[in-house]
Amino acid sequence: MMFPGRKAMNMERVYKTMRNTGAGCIAIGVIIAVTGLTVGIISIVNGALLLKRKSEIEF
């Protein structure tokens, strides 16, 4: 036996779950993008420092 309000309640739960999942995915994406950008900048700076100091290396 189905209750008329039960389907609407289930759809509301589905929409809330989708909203929370979407917000979580956006937050994780932003965190990953910022982390990637930071690591990239650090790598470029370290590479530039290595190239700048390559004349100081003695074998």
PDB file of N, CA and C in Angstrom:
ATOM      1  N   MET A   1       0.837  -1.175   0.000  1.00  0.00           N
ATOM      2  CA  MET A   1       0.000   0.000   0.000  1.00  0.00           C
ATOM      3  C   MET A   1       0.887   1.246   0.000  1.00  0.00           C
ATOM      4  N   MET A   2       0.723   2.085  -1.002  1.00  0.00           N
ATOM      5  CA  MET A   2       1.529   3.300  -1.130  1.00  0.00           C
ATOM      6  C   MET A   2       0.802   4.486  -0.513  1.00  0.00           C
ATOM      7  N   PHE A   3       1.550   5.296   0.175  1.00  0.00           N
ATOM      8  CA  PHE A   3       1.004   6.532   0.724  1.00  0.00           C
ATOM      9  C   PHE A   3       1.320   7.657  -0.248  1.00  0.00           C
ATOM     10  N   PRO A   4       0.363   8.541  -0.519  1.00  0.00           N
ATOM     11  CA  PRO A   4       0.600   9.602  -1.505  1.00  0.00           C
ATOM     12  C   PRO A   4       1.748  10.536  -1.138  1.00  0.00           C
ATOM     13  N   GLY A   5       1.940  10.826   0.124  1.00  0.00           N
ATOM     14  CA  GLY A   5       2.994  11.748   0.531  1.00  0.00           C
ATOM     15  C   GLY A   5       4.367  11.114   0.580  1.00  0.00           C
ATOM     16  N   ARG A   6       4.413   9.787   0.560  1.00  0.00           N
ATOM     17  CA  ARG A   6       5.698   9.081   0.691  1.00  0.00           C
ATOM     18  C   ARG A   6       6.595   9.313  -0.528  1.00  0.00           C
ATOM     19  N   LYS A   7       6.011   9.311  -1.730  1.00  0.00           N
ATOM     20  CA  LYS A   7       6.810   9.516  -2.939  1.00  0.00           C
ATOM     21  C   LYS A   7       7.426  10.918  -2.941  1.00  0.00           C
ATOM     22  N   ALA A   8       6.644  11.908  -2.537  1.00  0.00           N
ATOM     23  CA  ALA A   8       7.165  13.278  -2.484  1.00  0.00           C
ATOM     24  C   ALA A   8       8.272  13.380  -1.448  1.00  0.00           C
ATOM     25  N   MET A   9       8.123  12.665  -0.330  1.00  0.00           N
ATOM     26  CA  MET A   9       9.140  12.692   0.709  1.00  0.00           C
ATOM     27  C   MET A   9      10.429  12.035   0.207  1.00  0.00           C
ATOM     28  N   ASN A  10      10.284  10.939  -0.544  1.00  0.00           N
ATOM     29  CA  ASN A  10      11.464  10.272  -1.093  1.00  0.00           C
ATOM     30  C   ASN A  10      12.164  11.153  -2.120  1.00  0.00           C
ATOM     31  N   MET A  11      11.393  11.847  -2.948  1.00  0.00           N
ATOM     32  CA  MET A  11      12.000  12.727  -3.948  1.00  0.00           C
ATOM     33  C   MET A  11      12.732  13.885  -3.270  1.00  0.00           C
ATOM     34  N   GLU A  12      12.176  14.373  -2.168  1.00  0.00           N
ATOM     35  CA  GLU A  12      12.845  15.445  -1.435  1.00  0.00           C
ATOM     36  C   GLU A  12      14.178  14.962  -0.875  1.00  0.00           C
ATOM     37  N   ARG A  13      14.208  13.741  -0.385  1.00  0.00           N
ATOM     38  CA  ARG A  13      15.461  13.168   0.120  1.00  0.00           C
ATOM     39  C   ARG A  13      16.469  13.009  -1.006  1.00  0.00           C
ATOM     40  N   VAL A  14      15.984  12.586  -2.178  1.00  0.00           N
ATOM     41  CA  VAL A  14      16.878  12.428  -3.332  1.00  0.00           C
ATOM     42  C   VAL A  14      17.475  13.780  -3.720  1.00  0.00           C
ATOM     43  N   TYR A  15      16.652  14.816  -3.775  1.00  0.00           N
ATOM     44  CA  TYR A  15      17.146  16.145  -4.142  1.00  0.00           C
ATOM     45  C   TYR A  15      18.148  16.670  -3.121  1.00  0.00           C
ATOM     46  N   LYS A  16      17.888  16.446  -1.843  1.00  0.00           N
ATOM     47  CA  LYS A  16      18.827  16.890  -0.811  1.00  0.00           C
ATOM     48  C   LYS A  16      20.148  16.144  -0.925  1.00  0.00           C
ATOM     49  N   THR A  17      20.075  14.840  -1.196  1.00  0.00           N
ATOM     50  CA  THR A  17      21.293  14.045  -1.366  1.00  0.00           C
ATOM     51  C   THR A  17      22.080  14.531  -2.576  1.00  0.00           C
ATOM     52  N   MET A  18      21.377  14.795  -3.683  1.00  0.00           N
ATOM     53  CA  MET A  18      22.051  15.291  -4.888  1.00  0.00           C
ATOM     54  C   MET A  18      22.692  16.649  -4.633  1.00  0.00           C
ATOM     55  N   ARG A  19      22.002  17.520  -3.892  1.00  0.00           N
ATOM     56  CA  ARG A  19      22.543  18.844  -3.582  1.00  0.00           C
ATOM     57  C   ARG A  19      23.811  18.727  -2.745  1.00  0.00           C
ATOM     58  N   ASN A  20      23.762  17.897  -1.718  1.00  0.00           N
ATOM     59  CA  ASN A  20      24.928  17.731  -0.846  1.00  0.00           C
ATOM     60  C   ASN A  20      26.093  17.095  -1.591  1.00  0.00           C
ATOM     61  N   THR A  21      25.794  16.118  -2.433  1.00  0.00           N
ATOM     62  CA  THR A  21      26.850  15.464  -3.208  1.00  0.00           C
ATOM     63  C   THR A  21      27.481  16.446  -4.196  1.00  0.00           C
ATOM     64  N   GLY A  22      26.658  17.240  -4.858  1.00  0.00           N
ATOM     65  CA  GLY A  22      27.171  18.237  -5.796  1.00  0.00           C
ATOM     66  C   GLY A  22      28.045  19.269  -5.109  1.00  0.00           C
ATOM     67  N   ALA A  23      27.599  19.740  -3.958  1.00  0.00           N
ATOM     68  CA  ALA A  23      28.391  20.722  -3.207  1.00  0.00           C
ATOM     69  C   ALA A  23      29.710  20.116  -2.755  1.00  0.00           C
ATOM     70  N   GLY A  24      29.673  18.865  -2.322  1.00  0.00           N
ATOM     71  CA  GLY A  24      30.901  18.185  -1.898  1.00  0.00           C
ATOM     72  C   GLY A  24      31.876  18.020  -3.050  1.00  0.00           C
ATOM     73  N   CYS A  25      31.354  17.659  -4.217  1.00  0.00           N
ATOM     74  CA  CYS A  25      32.221  17.491  -5.389  1.00  0.00           C
ATOM     75  C   CYS A  25      32.862  18.813  -5.804  1.00  0.00           C
ATOM     76  N   ILE A  26      32.103  19.887  -5.745  1.00  0.00           N
ATOM     77  CA  ILE A  26      32.663  21.202  -6.082  1.00  0.00           C
ATOM     78  C   ILE A  26      33.751  21.585  -5.086  1.00  0.00           C
ATOM     79  N   ALA A  27      33.501  21.348  -3.806  1.00  0.00           N
ATOM     80  CA  ALA A  27      34.498  21.686  -2.781  1.00  0.00           C
ATOM     81  C   ALA A  27      35.776  20.881  -2.975  1.00  0.00           C
ATOM     82  N   ILE A  28      35.635  19.587  -3.237  1.00  0.00           N
ATOM     83  CA  ILE A  28      36.814  18.738  -3.460  1.00  0.00           C
ATOM     84  C   ILE A  28      37.556  19.188  -4.715  1.00  0.00           C
ATOM     85  N   GLY A  29      36.824  19.545  -5.762  1.00  0.00           N
ATOM     86  CA  GLY A  29      37.455  20.028  -6.989  1.00  0.00           C
ATOM     87  C   GLY A  29      38.260  21.292  -6.772  1.00  0.00           C
ATOM     88  N   VAL A  30      37.720  22.215  -5.994  1.00  0.00           N
ATOM     89  CA  VAL A  30      38.439  23.460  -5.701  1.00  0.00           C
ATOM     90  C   VAL A  30      39.699  23.164  -4.906  1.00  0.00           C
ATOM     91  N   ILE A  31      39.588  22.282  -3.917  1.00  0.00           N
ATOM     92  CA  ILE A  31      40.761  21.929  -3.100  1.00  0.00           C
ATOM     93  C   ILE A  31      41.840  21.287  -3.962  1.00  0.00           C
ATOM     94  N   ILE A  32      41.444  20.376  -4.856  1.00  0.00           N
ATOM     95  CA  ILE A  32      42.417  19.710  -5.729  1.00  0.00           C
ATOM     96  C   ILE A  32      43.060  20.719  -6.684  1.00  0.00           C
ATOM     97  N   ALA A  33      42.267  21.647  -7.223  1.00  0.00           N
ATOM     98  CA  ALA A  33      42.817  22.647  -8.143  1.00  0.00           C
ATOM     99  C   ALA A  33      43.818  23.558  -7.439  1.00  0.00           C
ATOM    100  N   VAL A  34      43.489  23.993  -6.239  1.00  0.00           N
ATOM    101  CA  VAL A  34      44.400  24.865  -5.486  1.00  0.00           C
ATOM    102  C   VAL A  34      45.679  24.116  -5.135  1.00  0.00           C
ATOM    103  N   THR A  35      45.540  22.860  -4.715  1.00  0.00           N
ATOM    104  CA  THR A  35      46.716  22.055  -4.380  1.00  0.00           C
ATOM    105  C   THR A  35      47.600  21.854  -5.610  1.00  0.00           C
ATOM    106  N   GLY A  36      46.991  21.540  -6.736  1.00  0.00           N
ATOM    107  CA  GLY A  36      47.753  21.353  -7.968  1.00  0.00           C
ATOM    108  C   GLY A  36      48.473  22.615  -8.399  1.00  0.00           C
ATOM    109  N   LEU A  37      47.793  23.738  -8.292  1.00  0.00           N
ATOM    110  CA  LEU A  37      48.413  25.013  -8.653  1.00  0.00           C
ATOM    111  C   LEU A  37      49.589  25.326  -7.741  1.00  0.00           C
ATOM    112  N   THR A  38      49.414  25.077  -6.455  1.00  0.00           N
ATOM    113  CA  THR A  38      50.492  25.329  -5.490  1.00  0.00           C
ATOM    114  C   THR A  38      51.699  24.452  -5.773  1.00  0.00           C
ATOM    115  N   VAL A  39      51.469  23.173  -6.007  1.00  0.00           N
ATOM    116  CA  VAL A  39      52.574  22.251  -6.296  1.00  0.00           C
ATOM    117  C   VAL A  39      53.263  22.647  -7.598  1.00  0.00           C
ATOM    118  N   GLY A  40      52.502  23.061  -8.593  1.00  0.00           N
ATOM    119  CA  GLY A  40      53.092  23.501  -9.853  1.00  0.00           C
ATOM    120  C   GLY A  40      53.977  24.721  -9.685  1.00  0.00           C
ATOM    121  N   ILE A  41      53.512  25.682  -8.922  1.00  0.00           N
ATOM    122  CA  ILE A  41      54.310  26.895  -8.683  1.00  0.00           C
ATOM    123  C   ILE A  41      55.587  26.560  -7.928  1.00  0.00           C
ATOM    124  N   ILE A  42      55.476  25.705  -6.918  1.00  0.00           N
ATOM    125  CA  ILE A  42      56.667  25.304  -6.154  1.00  0.00           C
ATOM    126  C   ILE A  42      57.662  24.584  -7.060  1.00  0.00           C
ATOM    127  N   SER A  43      57.169  23.733  -7.950  1.00  0.00           N
ATOM    128  CA  SER A  43      58.062  23.017  -8.873  1.00  0.00           C
ATOM    129  C   SER A  43      58.774  23.977  -9.817  1.00  0.00           C
ATOM    130  N   ILE A  44      58.060  24.956 -10.329  1.00  0.00           N
ATOM    131  CA  ILE A  44      58.675  25.935 -11.230  1.00  0.00           C
ATOM    132  C   ILE A  44      59.746  26.742 -10.500  1.00  0.00           C
ATOM    133  N   VAL A  45      59.451  27.162  -9.283  1.00  0.00           N
ATOM    134  CA  VAL A  45      60.422  27.936  -8.501  1.00  0.00           C
ATOM    135  C   VAL A  45      61.660  27.096  -8.213  1.00  0.00           C
ATOM    136  N   ASN A  46      61.468  25.839  -7.803  1.00  0.00           N
ATOM    137  CA  ASN A  46      62.617  24.970  -7.528  1.00  0.00           C
ATOM    138  C   ASN A  46      63.440  24.719  -8.784  1.00  0.00           C
ATOM    139  N   GLY A  47      62.784  24.524  -9.911  1.00  0.00           N
ATOM    140  CA  GLY A  47      63.510  24.341 -11.164  1.00  0.00           C
ATOM    141  C   GLY A  47      64.311  25.570 -11.542  1.00  0.00           C
ATOM    142  N   ALA A  48      63.722  26.739 -11.353  1.00  0.00           N
ATOM    143  CA  ALA A  48      64.435  27.986 -11.661  1.00  0.00           C
ATOM    144  C   ALA A  48      65.646  28.162 -10.755  1.00  0.00           C
ATOM    145  N   LEU A  49      65.496  27.822  -9.477  1.00  0.00           N
ATOM    146  CA  LEU A  49      66.636  27.927  -8.558  1.00  0.00           C
ATOM    147  C   LEU A  49      67.748  26.951  -8.940  1.00  0.00           C
ATOM    148  N   LEU A  50      67.385  25.753  -9.354  1.00  0.00           N
ATOM    149  CA  LEU A  50      68.400  24.786  -9.785  1.00  0.00           C
ATOM    150  C   LEU A  50      69.145  25.289 -11.020  1.00  0.00           C
ATOM    151  N   LEU A  51      68.407  25.833 -11.984  1.00  0.00           N
ATOM    152  CA  LEU A  51      69.060  26.353 -13.183  1.00  0.00           C
ATOM    153  C   LEU A  51      69.947  27.552 -12.860  1.00  0.00           C
ATOM    154  N   LYS A  52      69.519  28.374 -11.940  1.00  0.00           N
ATOM    155  CA  LYS A  52      70.297  29.552 -11.557  1.00  0.00           C
ATOM    156  C   LYS A  52      71.609  29.152 -10.895  1.00  0.00           C
ATOM    157  N   ARG A  53      71.585  28.087 -10.112  1.00  0.00           N
ATOM    158  CA  ARG A  53      72.769  27.682  -9.344  1.00  0.00           C
ATOM    159  C   ARG A  53      73.570  26.559 -10.006  1.00  0.00           C
ATOM    160  N   LYS A  54      73.280  26.220 -11.248  1.00  0.00           N
ATOM    161  CA  LYS A  54      73.992  25.102 -11.871  1.00  0.00           C
ATOM    162  C   LYS A  54      75.477  25.402 -12.065  1.00  0.00           C
ATOM    163  N   SER A  55      75.847  26.670 -12.151  1.00  0.00           N
ATOM    164  CA  SER A  55      77.265  27.010 -12.323  1.00  0.00           C
ATOM    165  C   SER A  55      78.055  26.801 -11.033  1.00  0.00           C
ATOM    166  N   GLU A  56      77.357  26.697  -9.905  1.00  0.00           N
ATOM    167  CA  GLU A  56      78.027  26.500  -8.621  1.00  0.00           C
ATOM    168  C   GLU A  56      78.377  25.035  -8.356  1.00  0.00           C
ATOM    169  N   ILE A  57      77.919  24.139  -9.215  1.00  0.00           N
ATOM    170  CA  ILE A  57      78.156  22.708  -8.990  1.00  0.00           C
ATOM    171  C   ILE A  57      79.574  22.352  -9.429  1.00  0.00           C
ATOM    172  N   GLU A  58      80.280  21.646  -8.558  1.00  0.00           N
ATOM    173  CA  GLU A  58      81.627  21.180  -8.889  1.00  0.00           C
ATOM    174  C   GLU A  58      81.654  19.664  -8.776  1.00  0.00           C
ATOM    175  N   PHE A  59      82.306  19.020  -9.731  1.00  0.00           N
ATOM    176  CA  PHE A  59      82.419  17.558  -9.700  1.00  0.00           C
ATOM    177  C   PHE A  59      83.808  17.149  -9.330  1.00  0.00           C
TER     178      PHE A  59
END
